[in-house]
Amino acid sequence: MILFTLIILIIIGALSGGWLHAFAVAFDMFIQALVWDSATGVTISSRAGLAARNGKPLGSKIVNFIMGSNTHCEDAIQADIDRAKNALKILGD
């Protein structure tokens, strides 16, 4: 039940804009870091996309299906890269 609720919150945030989307991305990153004890700043979708690139496509297929896009995980990888580049610009000023 908790996992279902988390998925719904992330989907609602991903489909919206502004602060709700930012909250959904931050929450997604928090859950990813908590569950997989992995690098911060990477979303669950990006992890699934990276796994697919390494020959393990199941997670990516599931996430893409839930999000309703065949390219969601690849798009998420690019969004994480863009977000990191933007942070570097802000921190470099």
Protein backbone atom coordinates (compact mmCIF):
# COMPACT_ATOMS: atom_id res chain seq x y z
CA MET A 1 0.00 0.00 0.00
CA ILE A 2 2.83 2.41 0.81
CA LEU A 3 4.57 1.66 -2.48
CA PHE A 4 1.34 2.30 -4.38
CA THR A 5 0.91 5.64 -2.59
CA LEU A 6 4.49 6.62 -3.38
CA ILE A 7 4.01 5.76 -7.04
CA ILE A 8 0.81 7.83 -7.21
CA LEU A 9 2.52 10.83 -5.58
CA ILE A 10 5.43 10.64 -8.00
CA ILE A 11 3.11 10.32 -11.02
CA ILE A 12 0.97 13.28 -9.93
CA GLY A 13 4.07 15.38 -9.39
CA ALA A 14 5.60 14.33 -12.70
CA LEU A 15 2.45 15.29 -14.59
CA SER A 16 2.16 18.66 -12.93
CA GLY A 17 4.50 21.59 -13.05
CA GLY A 18 6.13 24.02 -10.70
CA TRP A 19 6.69 23.25 -7.04
CA LEU A 20 4.68 20.01 -7.09
CA HIS A 21 6.94 18.61 -9.80
CA ALA A 22 10.03 19.74 -7.90
CA PHE A 23 8.69 18.06 -4.76
CA ALA A 24 7.97 14.83 -6.65
CA VAL A 25 11.51 14.75 -8.09
CA ALA A 26 13.05 15.44 -4.67
CA PHE A 27 10.88 12.77 -3.04
CA ASP A 28 11.77 10.32 -5.82
CA MET A 29 15.48 10.97 -5.24
CA PHE A 30 15.02 10.53 -1.49
CA ILE A 31 13.28 7.17 -1.90
CA GLN A 32 15.92 6.04 -4.42
CA ALA A 33 18.74 6.92 -2.03
CA LEU A 34 16.93 5.35 0.93
CA VAL A 35 16.04 2.07 -0.79
CA TRP A 36 19.17 1.52 -2.87
CA ASP A 37 21.62 3.42 -0.65
CA SER A 38 22.97 5.00 -3.78
CA ALA A 39 24.11 8.32 -5.16
CA THR A 40 21.93 11.31 -4.44
CA GLY A 41 20.52 13.37 -7.27
CA VAL A 42 19.43 10.40 -9.38
CA THR A 43 15.80 9.40 -9.76
CA ILE A 44 14.31 5.91 -9.70
CA SER A 45 13.49 6.32 -13.41
CA SER A 46 17.12 7.13 -14.19
CA ARG A 47 18.32 4.08 -12.27
CA ALA A 48 15.89 1.94 -14.26
CA GLY A 49 17.11 3.52 -17.51
CA LEU A 50 20.74 2.93 -16.60
CA ALA A 51 19.96 -0.70 -15.73
CA ALA A 52 18.30 -1.09 -19.15
CA ARG A 53 21.43 0.29 -20.81
CA ASN A 54 23.36 -2.41 -18.95
CA GLY A 55 21.17 -5.26 -20.19
CA LYS A 56 18.54 -5.32 -17.41
CA PRO A 57 15.45 -3.74 -19.03
CA LEU A 58 12.68 -5.04 -16.73
CA GLY A 59 12.63 -2.05 -14.36
CA SER A 60 12.69 0.39 -17.26
CA LYS A 61 9.79 -1.39 -18.95
CA ILE A 62 7.75 -1.24 -15.74
CA VAL A 63 8.52 2.44 -15.06
CA ASN A 64 7.89 3.41 -18.70
CA PHE A 65 4.55 1.58 -18.58
CA ILE A 66 3.50 3.25 -15.31
CA MET A 67 4.49 6.69 -16.61
CA GLY A 68 2.84 6.10 -20.00
CA SER A 69 5.88 6.75 -22.16
CA ASN A 70 8.28 4.42 -23.93
CA THR A 71 11.10 6.92 -23.37
CA HIS A 72 10.41 8.04 -19.79
CA CYS A 73 13.54 6.43 -18.29
CA GLU A 74 15.84 7.79 -21.00
CA ASP A 75 14.18 11.19 -20.63
CA ALA A 76 14.74 10.97 -16.87
CA ILE A 77 18.46 10.32 -17.37
CA GLN A 78 18.69 13.46 -19.50
CA ALA A 79 16.63 15.45 -16.97
CA ASP A 80 19.00 14.38 -14.17
CA ILE A 81 21.98 15.44 -16.28
CA ASP A 82 20.35 18.79 -17.07
CA ARG A 83 19.48 19.34 -13.40
CA ALA A 84 23.10 18.62 -12.39
CA LYS A 85 24.45 21.01 -15.05
CA ASN A 86 22.08 23.72 -13.84
CA ALA A 87 23.23 23.19 -10.24
CA LEU A 88 26.86 23.51 -11.35
CA LYS A 89 26.07 26.83 -13.07
CA ILE A 90 24.42 28.15 -9.91
CA LEU A 91 27.22 26.95 -7.67
CA GLY A 92 29.90 28.29 -9.99
CA ASP A 93 28.58 31.84 -9.87
